[in-house]
Amino acid sequence: MPGAFLATFLVVSAWGYFIWTGNIGSIWPMFGTANQLLAGVALAI
């Protein structure tokens, strides 16, 4: 569980940072990256 909590905290903190400091210009590429990651995993599965 400490590893799962640490990994979750890091990812949620990164999203929070982009939302807190960013505008759509910094959040939109992250959305595109997440979309491509999801497509890659779906293709692999």
ModelCIF file with pLDDT and N, C-alpha, C, O atoms, coordinates in Angstrom:
data_MODEL
#
_entry.id   MODEL 
#
_entity.id                         1 
_entity.type                       polymer 
_entity.pdbx_number_of_molecules   1 
#
_entity_poly.entity_id                      1 
_entity_poly.type                           'polypeptide(L)' 
_entity_poly.nstd_linkage                   no 
_entity_poly.nstd_monomer                   no 
_entity_poly.pdbx_seq_one_letter_code       MPGAFLATFLVVSAWGYFIWTGNIGSIWPMFGTANQLLAGVALAI 
_entity_poly.pdbx_seq_one_letter_code_can   MPGAFLATFLVVSAWGYFIWTGNIGSIWPMFGTANQLLAGVALAI 
_entity_poly.pdbx_strand_id                 A 
#
loop_
_entity_poly_seq.entity_id 
_entity_poly_seq.num 
_entity_poly_seq.mon_id 
_entity_poly_seq.hetero 
1 1  MET n 
1 2  PRO n 
1 3  GLY n 
1 4  ALA n 
1 5  PHE n 
1 6  LEU n 
1 7  ALA n 
1 8  THR n 
1 9  PHE n 
1 10 LEU n 
1 11 VAL n 
1 12 VAL n 
1 13 SER n 
1 14 ALA n 
1 15 TRP n 
1 16 GLY n 
1 17 TYR n 
1 18 PHE n 
1 19 ILE n 
1 20 TRP n 
1 21 THR n 
1 22 GLY n 
1 23 ASN n 
1 24 ILE n 
1 25 GLY n 
1 26 SER n 
1 27 ILE n 
1 28 TRP n 
1 29 PRO n 
1 30 MET n 
1 31 PHE n 
1 32 GLY n 
1 33 THR n 
1 34 ALA n 
1 35 ASN n 
1 36 GLN n 
1 37 LEU n 
1 38 LEU n 
1 39 ALA n 
1 40 GLY n 
1 41 VAL n 
1 42 ALA n 
1 43 LEU n 
1 44 ALA n 
1 45 ILE n 
#
_struct_asym.id          A 
_struct_asym.entity_id   1 
#
loop_
_ma_qa_metric.id 
_ma_qa_metric.mode 
_ma_qa_metric.name 
_ma_qa_metric.software_group_id 
_ma_qa_metric.type 
1 global pLDDT . pLDDT 
2 local  pLDDT . pLDDT 
#
_ma_qa_metric_global.metric_id      1 
_ma_qa_metric_global.metric_value   77.98 
_ma_qa_metric_global.model_id       1 
_ma_qa_metric_global.ordinal_id     1 
#
loop_
_ma_qa_metric_local.label_asym_id 
_ma_qa_metric_local.label_comp_id 
_ma_qa_metric_local.label_seq_id 
_ma_qa_metric_local.metric_id 
_ma_qa_metric_local.metric_value 
_ma_qa_metric_local.model_id 
_ma_qa_metric_local.ordinal_id 
A MET 1  2 80.00 1 1  
A PRO 2  2 80.00 1 2  
A GLY 3  2 75.00 1 3  
A ALA 4  2 75.00 1 4  
A PHE 5  2 81.00 1 5  
A LEU 6  2 80.00 1 6  
A ALA 7  2 76.00 1 7  
A THR 8  2 78.00 1 8  
A PHE 9  2 84.00 1 9  
A LEU 10 2 81.00 1 10 
A VAL 11 2 80.00 1 11 
A VAL 12 2 81.00 1 12 
A SER 13 2 85.00 1 13 
A ALA 14 2 80.00 1 14 
A TRP 15 2 77.00 1 15 
A GLY 16 2 80.00 1 16 
A TYR 17 2 81.00 1 17 
A PHE 18 2 75.00 1 18 
A ILE 19 2 76.00 1 19 
A TRP 20 2 83.00 1 20 
A THR 21 2 82.00 1 21 
A GLY 22 2 72.00 1 22 
A ASN 23 2 68.00 1 23 
A ILE 24 2 64.00 1 24 
A GLY 25 2 73.00 1 25 
A SER 26 2 67.00 1 26 
A ILE 27 2 69.00 1 27 
A TRP 28 2 73.00 1 28 
A PRO 29 2 75.00 1 29 
A MET 30 2 70.00 1 30 
A PHE 31 2 72.00 1 31 
A GLY 32 2 75.00 1 32 
A THR 33 2 76.00 1 33 
A ALA 34 2 72.00 1 34 
A ASN 35 2 74.00 1 35 
A GLN 36 2 81.00 1 36 
A LEU 37 2 77.00 1 37 
A LEU 38 2 75.00 1 38 
A ALA 39 2 83.00 1 39 
A GLY 40 2 86.00 1 40 
A VAL 41 2 83.00 1 41 
A ALA 42 2 86.00 1 42 
A LEU 43 2 91.00 1 43 
A ALA 44 2 89.00 1 44 
A ILE 45 2 88.00 1 45 
#
loop_
_atom_site.group_PDB 
_atom_site.id 
_atom_site.type_symbol 
_atom_site.label_atom_id 
_atom_site.label_alt_id 
_atom_site.label_comp_id 
_atom_site.label_asym_id 
_atom_site.label_entity_id 
_atom_site.label_seq_id 
_atom_site.pdbx_PDB_ins_code 
_atom_site.Cartn_x 
_atom_site.Cartn_y 
_atom_site.Cartn_z 
_atom_site.occupancy 
_atom_site.B_iso_or_equiv 
_atom_site.pdbx_formal_charge 
_atom_site.auth_seq_id 
_atom_site.auth_comp_id 
_atom_site.auth_asym_id 
_atom_site.auth_atom_id 
_atom_site.pdbx_PDB_model_num 
ATOM 1   N N  . MET A 1 1  ? 0.796  -1.230 0.000   1.00 80.00 ? 1  MET A N  1 
ATOM 2   C CA . MET A 1 1  ? 0.000  0.000  0.000   1.00 80.00 ? 1  MET A CA 1 
ATOM 3   C C  . MET A 1 1  ? 0.831  1.285  0.000   1.00 80.00 ? 1  MET A C  1 
ATOM 4   O O  . MET A 1 1  ? 0.437  2.227  -0.686  1.00 80.00 ? 1  MET A O  1 
ATOM 5   N N  . PRO A 1 2  ? 1.944  1.389  0.715   1.00 80.00 ? 2  PRO A N  1 
ATOM 6   C CA . PRO A 1 2  ? 2.706  2.652  0.628   1.00 80.00 ? 2  PRO A CA 1 
ATOM 7   C C  . PRO A 1 2  ? 3.152  2.981  -0.802  1.00 80.00 ? 2  PRO A C  1 
ATOM 8   O O  . PRO A 1 2  ? 3.167  4.150  -1.187  1.00 80.00 ? 2  PRO A O  1 
ATOM 9   N N  . GLY A 1 3  ? 3.512  1.964  -1.590  1.00 75.00 ? 3  GLY A N  1 
ATOM 10  C CA . GLY A 1 3  ? 3.892  2.211  -2.975  1.00 75.00 ? 3  GLY A CA 1 
ATOM 11  C C  . GLY A 1 3  ? 2.721  2.690  -3.808  1.00 75.00 ? 3  GLY A C  1 
ATOM 12  O O  . GLY A 1 3  ? 2.870  3.594  -4.631  1.00 75.00 ? 3  GLY A O  1 
ATOM 13  N N  . ALA A 1 4  ? 1.552  2.090  -3.601  1.00 75.00 ? 4  ALA A N  1 
ATOM 14  C CA . ALA A 1 4  ? 0.351  2.513  -4.335  1.00 75.00 ? 4  ALA A CA 1 
ATOM 15  C C  . ALA A 1 4  ? -0.039 3.938  -3.954  1.00 75.00 ? 4  ALA A C  1 
ATOM 16  O O  . ALA A 1 4  ? -0.406 4.736  -4.816  1.00 75.00 ? 4  ALA A O  1 
ATOM 17  N N  . PHE A 1 5  ? 0.041  4.256  -2.667  1.00 81.00 ? 5  PHE A N  1 
ATOM 18  C CA . PHE A 1 5  ? -0.300 5.611  -2.226  1.00 81.00 ? 5  PHE A CA 1 
ATOM 19  C C  . PHE A 1 5  ? 0.706  6.629  -2.749  1.00 81.00 ? 5  PHE A C  1 
ATOM 20  O O  . PHE A 1 5  ? 0.320  7.728  -3.147  1.00 81.00 ? 5  PHE A O  1 
ATOM 21  N N  . LEU A 1 6  ? 1.993  6.279  -2.753  1.00 80.00 ? 6  LEU A N  1 
ATOM 22  C CA . LEU A 1 6  ? 3.017  7.198  -3.250  1.00 80.00 ? 6  LEU A CA 1 
ATOM 23  C C  . LEU A 1 6  ? 2.831  7.465  -4.743  1.00 80.00 ? 6  LEU A C  1 
ATOM 24  O O  . LEU A 1 6  ? 2.889  8.615  -5.178  1.00 80.00 ? 6  LEU A O  1 
ATOM 25  N N  . ALA A 1 7  ? 2.608  6.417  -5.523  1.00 76.00 ? 7  ALA A N  1 
ATOM 26  C CA . ALA A 1 7  ? 2.397  6.588  -6.963  1.00 76.00 ? 7  ALA A CA 1 
ATOM 27  C C  . ALA A 1 7  ? 1.142  7.420  -7.228  1.00 76.00 ? 7  ALA A C  1 
ATOM 28  O O  . ALA A 1 7  ? 1.150  8.295  -8.094  1.00 76.00 ? 7  ALA A O  1 
ATOM 29  N N  . THR A 1 8  ? 0.077  7.153  -6.494  1.00 78.00 ? 8  THR A N  1 
ATOM 30  C CA . THR A 1 8  ? -1.163 7.921  -6.665  1.00 78.00 ? 8  THR A CA 1 
ATOM 31  C C  . THR A 1 8  ? -0.953 9.378  -6.293  1.00 78.00 ? 8  THR A C  1 
ATOM 32  O O  . THR A 1 8  ? -1.420 10.274 -6.996  1.00 78.00 ? 8  THR A O  1 
ATOM 33  N N  . PHE A 1 9  ? -0.254 9.619  -5.193  1.00 84.00 ? 9  PHE A N  1 
ATOM 34  C CA . PHE A 1 9  ? 0.009  10.993 -4.751  1.00 84.00 ? 9  PHE A CA 1 
ATOM 35  C C  . PHE A 1 9  ? 0.816  11.761 -5.793  1.00 84.00 ? 9  PHE A C  1 
ATOM 36  O O  . PHE A 1 9  ? 0.527  12.925 -6.068  1.00 84.00 ? 9  PHE A O  1 
ATOM 37  N N  . LEU A 1 10 ? 1.825  11.116 -6.374  1.00 81.00 ? 10 LEU A N  1 
ATOM 38  C CA . LEU A 1 10 ? 2.648  11.792 -7.382  1.00 81.00 ? 10 LEU A CA 1 
ATOM 39  C C  . LEU A 1 10 ? 1.823  12.180 -8.611  1.00 81.00 ? 10 LEU A C  1 
ATOM 40  O O  . LEU A 1 10 ? 1.948  13.293 -9.123  1.00 81.00 ? 10 LEU A O  1 
ATOM 41  N N  . VAL A 1 11 ? 0.996  11.274 -9.072  1.00 80.00 ? 11 VAL A N  1 
ATOM 42  C CA . VAL A 1 11 ? 0.212  11.548 -10.279 1.00 80.00 ? 11 VAL A CA 1 
ATOM 43  C C  . VAL A 1 11 ? -0.856 12.606 -10.005 1.00 80.00 ? 11 VAL A C  1 
ATOM 44  O O  . VAL A 1 11 ? -1.032 13.528 -10.802 1.00 80.00 ? 11 VAL A O  1 
ATOM 45  N N  . VAL A 1 12 ? -1.559 12.483 -8.901  1.00 81.00 ? 12 VAL A N  1 
ATOM 46  C CA . VAL A 1 12 ? -2.604 13.459 -8.581  1.00 81.00 ? 12 VAL A CA 1 
ATOM 47  C C  . VAL A 1 12 ? -1.984 14.834 -8.308  1.00 81.00 ? 12 VAL A C  1 
ATOM 48  O O  . VAL A 1 12 ? -2.574 15.858 -8.654  1.00 81.00 ? 12 VAL A O  1 
ATOM 49  N N  . SER A 1 13 ? -0.813 14.860 -7.695  1.00 85.00 ? 13 SER A N  1 
ATOM 50  C CA . SER A 1 13 ? -0.119 16.138 -7.477  1.00 85.00 ? 13 SER A CA 1 
ATOM 51  C C  . SER A 1 13 ? 0.260  16.785 -8.801  1.00 85.00 ? 13 SER A C  1 
ATOM 52  O O  . SER A 1 13 ? 0.149  18.001 -8.956  1.00 85.00 ? 13 SER A O  1 
ATOM 53  N N  . ALA A 1 14 ? 0.705  15.978 -9.752  1.00 80.00 ? 14 ALA A N  1 
ATOM 54  C CA . ALA A 1 14 ? 1.059  16.536 -11.061 1.00 80.00 ? 14 ALA A CA 1 
ATOM 55  C C  . ALA A 1 14 ? -0.167 17.136 -11.745 1.00 80.00 ? 14 ALA A C  1 
ATOM 56  O O  . ALA A 1 14 ? -0.096 18.242 -12.280 1.00 80.00 ? 14 ALA A O  1 
ATOM 57  N N  . TRP A 1 15 ? -1.304 16.408 -11.732 1.00 77.00 ? 15 TRP A N  1 
ATOM 58  C CA . TRP A 1 15 ? -2.530 16.958 -12.310 1.00 77.00 ? 15 TRP A CA 1 
ATOM 59  C C  . TRP A 1 15 ? -2.941 18.233 -11.569 1.00 77.00 ? 15 TRP A C  1 
ATOM 60  O O  . TRP A 1 15 ? -3.325 19.220 -12.196 1.00 77.00 ? 15 TRP A O  1 
ATOM 61  N N  . GLY A 1 16 ? -2.861 18.211 -10.237 1.00 80.00 ? 16 GLY A N  1 
ATOM 62  C CA . GLY A 1 16 ? -3.217 19.384 -9.454  1.00 80.00 ? 16 GLY A CA 1 
ATOM 63  C C  . GLY A 1 16 ? -2.342 20.579 -9.778  1.00 80.00 ? 16 GLY A C  1 
ATOM 64  O O  . GLY A 1 16 ? -2.824 21.710 -9.837  1.00 80.00 ? 16 GLY A O  1 
ATOM 65  N N  . TYR A 1 17 ? -1.054 20.331 -9.988  1.00 81.00 ? 17 TYR A N  1 
ATOM 66  C CA . TYR A 1 17 ? -0.138 21.409 -10.345 1.00 81.00 ? 17 TYR A CA 1 
ATOM 67  C C  . TYR A 1 17 ? -0.537 22.034 -11.679 1.00 81.00 ? 17 TYR A C  1 
ATOM 68  O O  . TYR A 1 17 ? -0.572 23.257 -11.812 1.00 81.00 ? 17 TYR A O  1 
ATOM 69  N N  . PHE A 1 18 ? -0.834 21.197 -12.657 1.00 75.00 ? 18 PHE A N  1 
ATOM 70  C CA . PHE A 1 18 ? -1.216 21.742 -13.962 1.00 75.00 ? 18 PHE A CA 1 
ATOM 71  C C  . PHE A 1 18 ? -2.532 22.499 -13.893 1.00 75.00 ? 18 PHE A C  1 
ATOM 72  O O  . PHE A 1 18 ? -2.700 23.511 -14.573 1.00 75.00 ? 18 PHE A O  1 
ATOM 73  N N  . ILE A 1 19 ? -3.453 22.028 -13.094 1.00 76.00 ? 19 ILE A N  1 
ATOM 74  C CA . ILE A 1 19 ? -4.733 22.731 -12.965 1.00 76.00 ? 19 ILE A CA 1 
ATOM 75  C C  . ILE A 1 19 ? -4.556 24.039 -12.201 1.00 76.00 ? 19 ILE A C  1 
ATOM 76  O O  . ILE A 1 19 ? -5.135 25.059 -12.574 1.00 76.00 ? 19 ILE A O  1 
ATOM 77  N N  . TRP A 1 20 ? -3.759 24.016 -11.136 1.00 83.00 ? 20 TRP A N  1 
ATOM 78  C CA . TRP A 1 20 ? -3.579 25.198 -10.292 1.00 83.00 ? 20 TRP A CA 1 
ATOM 79  C C  . TRP A 1 20 ? -2.827 26.301 -11.023 1.00 83.00 ? 20 TRP A C  1 
ATOM 80  O O  . TRP A 1 20 ? -3.220 27.466 -10.952 1.00 83.00 ? 20 TRP A O  1 
ATOM 81  N N  . THR A 1 21 ? -1.756 25.953 -11.722 1.00 82.00 ? 21 THR A N  1 
ATOM 82  C CA . THR A 1 21 ? -0.908 26.980 -12.339 1.00 82.00 ? 21 THR A CA 1 
ATOM 83  C C  . THR A 1 21 ? -1.183 27.197 -13.815 1.00 82.00 ? 21 THR A C  1 
ATOM 84  O O  . THR A 1 21 ? -0.766 28.206 -14.383 1.00 82.00 ? 21 THR A O  1 
ATOM 85  N N  . GLY A 1 22 ? -1.876 26.269 -14.434 1.00 72.00 ? 22 GLY A N  1 
ATOM 86  C CA . GLY A 1 22 ? -1.964 26.328 -15.884 1.00 72.00 ? 22 GLY A CA 1 
ATOM 87  C C  . GLY A 1 22 ? -3.249 26.903 -16.407 1.00 72.00 ? 22 GLY A C  1 
ATOM 88  O O  . GLY A 1 22 ? -4.215 27.151 -15.685 1.00 72.00 ? 22 GLY A O  1 
ATOM 89  N N  . ASN A 1 23 ? -3.207 27.093 -17.660 1.00 68.00 ? 23 ASN A N  1 
ATOM 90  C CA . ASN A 1 23 ? -4.406 27.429 -18.398 1.00 68.00 ? 23 ASN A CA 1 
ATOM 91  C C  . ASN A 1 23 ? -4.638 26.294 -19.379 1.00 68.00 ? 23 ASN A C  1 
ATOM 92  O O  . ASN A 1 23 ? -4.009 25.242 -19.264 1.00 68.00 ? 23 ASN A O  1 
ATOM 93  N N  . ILE A 1 24 ? -5.504 26.483 -20.314 1.00 64.00 ? 24 ILE A N  1 
ATOM 94  C CA . ILE A 1 24 ? -5.816 25.410 -21.246 1.00 64.00 ? 24 ILE A CA 1 
ATOM 95  C C  . ILE A 1 24 ? -4.600 25.051 -22.103 1.00 64.00 ? 24 ILE A C  1 
ATOM 96  O O  . ILE A 1 24 ? -4.507 23.934 -22.613 1.00 64.00 ? 24 ILE A O  1 
ATOM 97  N N  . GLY A 1 25 ? -3.671 25.993 -22.262 1.00 73.00 ? 25 GLY A N  1 
ATOM 98  C CA . GLY A 1 25 ? -2.478 25.740 -23.051 1.00 73.00 ? 25 GLY A CA 1 
ATOM 99  C C  . GLY A 1 25 ? -1.551 24.709 -22.433 1.00 73.00 ? 25 GLY A C  1 
ATOM 100 O O  . GLY A 1 25 ? -0.830 24.023 -23.157 1.00 73.00 ? 25 GLY A O  1 
ATOM 101 N N  . SER A 1 26 ? -1.552 24.584 -21.112 1.00 67.00 ? 26 SER A N  1 
ATOM 102 C CA . SER A 1 26 ? -0.698 23.579 -20.476 1.00 67.00 ? 26 SER A CA 1 
ATOM 103 C C  . SER A 1 26 ? -1.461 22.303 -20.144 1.00 67.00 ? 26 SER A C  1 
ATOM 104 O O  . SER A 1 26 ? -0.851 21.241 -20.014 1.00 67.00 ? 26 SER A O  1 
ATOM 105 N N  . ILE A 1 27 ? -2.771 22.385 -20.004 1.00 69.00 ? 27 ILE A N  1 
ATOM 106 C CA . ILE A 1 27 ? -3.550 21.194 -19.666 1.00 69.00 ? 27 ILE A CA 1 
ATOM 107 C C  . ILE A 1 27 ? -3.891 20.397 -20.924 1.00 69.00 ? 27 ILE A C  1 
ATOM 108 O O  . ILE A 1 27 ? -3.937 19.168 -20.868 1.00 69.00 ? 27 ILE A O  1 
ATOM 109 N N  . TRP A 1 28 ? -4.130 21.057 -22.052 1.00 73.00 ? 28 TRP A N  1 
ATOM 110 C CA . TRP A 1 28 ? -4.537 20.373 -23.273 1.00 73.00 ? 28 TRP A CA 1 
ATOM 111 C C  . TRP A 1 28 ? -3.506 19.352 -23.761 1.00 73.00 ? 28 TRP A C  1 
ATOM 112 O O  . TRP A 1 28 ? -3.901 18.255 -24.155 1.00 73.00 ? 28 TRP A O  1 
ATOM 113 N N  . PRO A 1 29 ? -2.192 19.661 -23.757 1.00 75.00 ? 29 PRO A N  1 
ATOM 114 C CA . PRO A 1 29 ? -1.225 18.623 -24.157 1.00 75.00 ? 29 PRO A CA 1 
ATOM 115 C C  . PRO A 1 29 ? -1.238 17.416 -23.220 1.00 75.00 ? 29 PRO A C  1 
ATOM 116 O O  . PRO A 1 29 ? -1.016 16.289 -23.664 1.00 75.00 ? 29 PRO A O  1 
ATOM 117 N N  . MET A 1 30 ? -1.492 17.635 -21.946 1.00 70.00 ? 30 MET A N  1 
ATOM 118 C CA . MET A 1 30 ? -1.585 16.511 -21.017 1.00 70.00 ? 30 MET A CA 1 
ATOM 119 C C  . MET A 1 30 ? -2.796 15.647 -21.353 1.00 70.00 ? 30 MET A C  1 
ATOM 120 O O  . MET A 1 30 ? -2.729 14.422 -21.249 1.00 70.00 ? 30 MET A O  1 
ATOM 121 N N  . PHE A 1 31 ? -3.887 16.264 -21.750 1.00 72.00 ? 31 PHE A N  1 
ATOM 122 C CA . PHE A 1 31 ? -5.067 15.518 -22.174 1.00 72.00 ? 31 PHE A CA 1 
ATOM 123 C C  . PHE A 1 31 ? -4.748 14.680 -23.398 1.00 72.00 ? 31 PHE A C  1 
ATOM 124 O O  . PHE A 1 31 ? -5.142 13.517 -23.477 1.00 72.00 ? 31 PHE A O  1 
ATOM 125 N N  . GLY A 1 32 ? -4.039 15.261 -24.351 1.00 75.00 ? 32 GLY A N  1 
ATOM 126 C CA . GLY A 1 32 ? -3.648 14.526 -25.550 1.00 75.00 ? 32 GLY A CA 1 
ATOM 127 C C  . GLY A 1 32 ? -2.709 13.377 -25.234 1.00 75.00 ? 32 GLY A C  1 
ATOM 128 O O  . GLY A 1 32 ? -2.824 12.298 -25.815 1.00 75.00 ? 32 GLY A O  1 
ATOM 129 N N  . THR A 1 33 ? -1.777 13.605 -24.313 1.00 76.00 ? 33 THR A N  1 
ATOM 130 C CA . THR A 1 33 ? -0.850 12.545 -23.914 1.00 76.00 ? 33 THR A CA 1 
ATOM 131 C C  . THR A 1 33 ? -1.600 11.400 -23.251 1.00 76.00 ? 33 THR A C  1 
ATOM 132 O O  . THR A 1 33 ? -1.340 10.233 -23.541 1.00 76.00 ? 33 THR A O  1 
ATOM 133 N N  . ALA A 1 34 ? -2.527 11.731 -22.362 1.00 72.00 ? 34 ALA A N  1 
ATOM 134 C CA . ALA A 1 34 ? -3.315 10.689 -21.696 1.00 72.00 ? 34 ALA A CA 1 
ATOM 135 C C  . ALA A 1 34 ? -4.153 9.919  -22.713 1.00 72.00 ? 34 ALA A C  1 
ATOM 136 O O  . ALA A 1 34 ? -4.311 8.704  -22.598 1.00 72.00 ? 34 ALA A O  1 
ATOM 137 N N  . ASN A 1 35 ? -4.682 10.612 -23.693 1.00 74.00 ? 35 ASN A N  1 
ATOM 138 C CA . ASN A 1 35 ? -5.474 9.960  -24.721 1.00 74.00 ? 35 ASN A CA 1 
ATOM 139 C C  . ASN A 1 35 ? -4.620 8.988  -25.533 1.00 74.00 ? 35 ASN A C  1 
ATOM 140 O O  . ASN A 1 35 ? -5.064 7.878  -25.827 1.00 74.00 ? 35 ASN A O  1 
ATOM 141 N N  . GLN A 1 36 ? -3.407 9.388  -25.897 1.00 81.00 ? 36 GLN A N  1 
ATOM 142 C CA . GLN A 1 36 ? -2.529 8.511  -26.673 1.00 81.00 ? 36 GLN A CA 1 
ATOM 143 C C  . GLN A 1 36 ? -2.034 7.335  -25.842 1.00 81.00 ? 36 GLN A C  1 
ATOM 144 O O  . GLN A 1 36 ? -1.877 6.232  -26.364 1.00 81.00 ? 36 GLN A O  1 
ATOM 145 N N  . LEU A 1 37 ? -1.787 7.560  -24.547 1.00 77.00 ? 37 LEU A N  1 
ATOM 146 C CA . LEU A 1 37 ? -1.408 6.451  -23.659 1.00 77.00 ? 37 LEU A CA 1 
ATOM 147 C C  . LEU A 1 37 ? -2.525 5.423  -23.586 1.00 77.00 ? 37 LEU A C  1 
ATOM 148 O O  . LEU A 1 37 ? -2.275 4.219  -23.644 1.00 77.00 ? 37 LEU A O  1 
ATOM 149 N N  . LEU A 1 38 ? -3.742 5.894  -23.461 1.00 75.00 ? 38 LEU A N  1 
ATOM 150 C CA . LEU A 1 38 ? -4.887 4.991  -23.412 1.00 75.00 ? 38 LEU A CA 1 
ATOM 151 C C  . LEU A 1 38 ? -5.020 4.214  -24.717 1.00 75.00 ? 38 LEU A C  1 
ATOM 152 O O  . LEU A 1 38 ? -5.301 3.016  -24.695 1.00 75.00 ? 38 LEU A O  1 
ATOM 153 N N  . ALA A 1 39 ? -4.823 4.878  -25.846 1.00 83.00 ? 39 ALA A N  1 
ATOM 154 C CA . ALA A 1 39 ? -4.902 4.192  -27.137 1.00 83.00 ? 39 ALA A CA 1 
ATOM 155 C C  . ALA A 1 39 ? -3.800 3.148  -27.278 1.00 83.00 ? 39 ALA A C  1 
ATOM 156 O O  . ALA A 1 39 ? -4.034 2.066  -27.815 1.00 83.00 ? 39 ALA A O  1 
ATOM 157 N N  . GLY A 1 40 ? -2.602 3.469  -26.798 1.00 86.00 ? 40 GLY A N  1 
ATOM 158 C CA . GLY A 1 40 ? -1.499 2.508  -26.865 1.00 86.00 ? 40 GLY A CA 1 
ATOM 159 C C  . GLY A 1 40 ? -1.753 1.273  -26.022 1.00 86.00 ? 40 GLY A C  1 
ATOM 160 O O  . GLY A 1 40 ? -1.467 0.154  -26.448 1.00 86.00 ? 40 GLY A O  1 
ATOM 161 N N  . VAL A 1 41 ? -2.285 1.473  -24.838 1.00 83.00 ? 41 VAL A N  1 
ATOM 162 C CA . VAL A 1 41 ? -2.596 0.338  -23.969 1.00 83.00 ? 41 VAL A CA 1 
ATOM 163 C C  . VAL A 1 41 ? -3.723 -0.495 -24.578 1.00 83.00 ? 41 VAL A C  1 
ATOM 164 O O  . VAL A 1 41 ? -3.675 -1.724 -24.535 1.00 83.00 ? 41 VAL A O  1 
ATOM 165 N N  . ALA A 1 42 ? -4.729 0.158  -25.142 1.00 86.00 ? 42 ALA A N  1 
ATOM 166 C CA . ALA A 1 42 ? -5.826 -0.579 -25.785 1.00 86.00 ? 42 ALA A CA 1 
ATOM 167 C C  . ALA A 1 42 ? -5.309 -1.395 -26.968 1.00 86.00 ? 42 ALA A C  1 
ATOM 168 O O  . ALA A 1 42 ? -5.742 -2.530 -27.165 1.00 86.00 ? 42 ALA A O  1 
ATOM 169 N N  . LEU A 1 43 ? -4.394 -0.839 -27.753 1.00 91.00 ? 43 LEU A N  1 
ATOM 170 C CA . LEU A 1 43 ? -3.817 -1.565 -28.876 1.00 91.00 ? 43 LEU A CA 1 
ATOM 171 C C  . LEU A 1 43 ? -3.020 -2.774 -28.393 1.00 91.00 ? 43 LEU A C  1 
ATOM 172 O O  . LEU A 1 43 ? -3.104 -3.853 -28.979 1.00 91.00 ? 43 LEU A O  1 
ATOM 173 N N  . ALA A 1 44 ? -2.247 -2.592 -27.324 1.00 89.00 ? 44 ALA A N  1 
ATOM 174 C CA . ALA A 1 44 ? -1.464 -3.702 -26.786 1.00 89.00 ? 44 ALA A CA 1 
ATOM 175 C C  . ALA A 1 44 ? -2.360 -4.817 -26.259 1.00 89.00 ? 44 ALA A C  1 
ATOM 176 O O  . ALA A 1 44 ? -2.086 -5.996 -26.484 1.00 89.00 ? 44 ALA A O  1 
ATOM 177 N N  . ILE A 1 45 ? -3.423 -4.450 -25.562 1.00 88.00 ? 45 ILE A N  1 
ATOM 178 C CA . ILE A 1 45 ? -4.336 -5.464 -25.016 1.00 88.00 ? 45 ILE A CA 1 
ATOM 179 C C  . ILE A 1 45 ? -5.073 -6.183 -26.142 1.00 88.00 ? 45 ILE A C  1 
ATOM 180 O O  . ILE A 1 45 ? -5.885 -7.071 -25.881 1.00 88.00 ? 45 ILE A O  1 
#
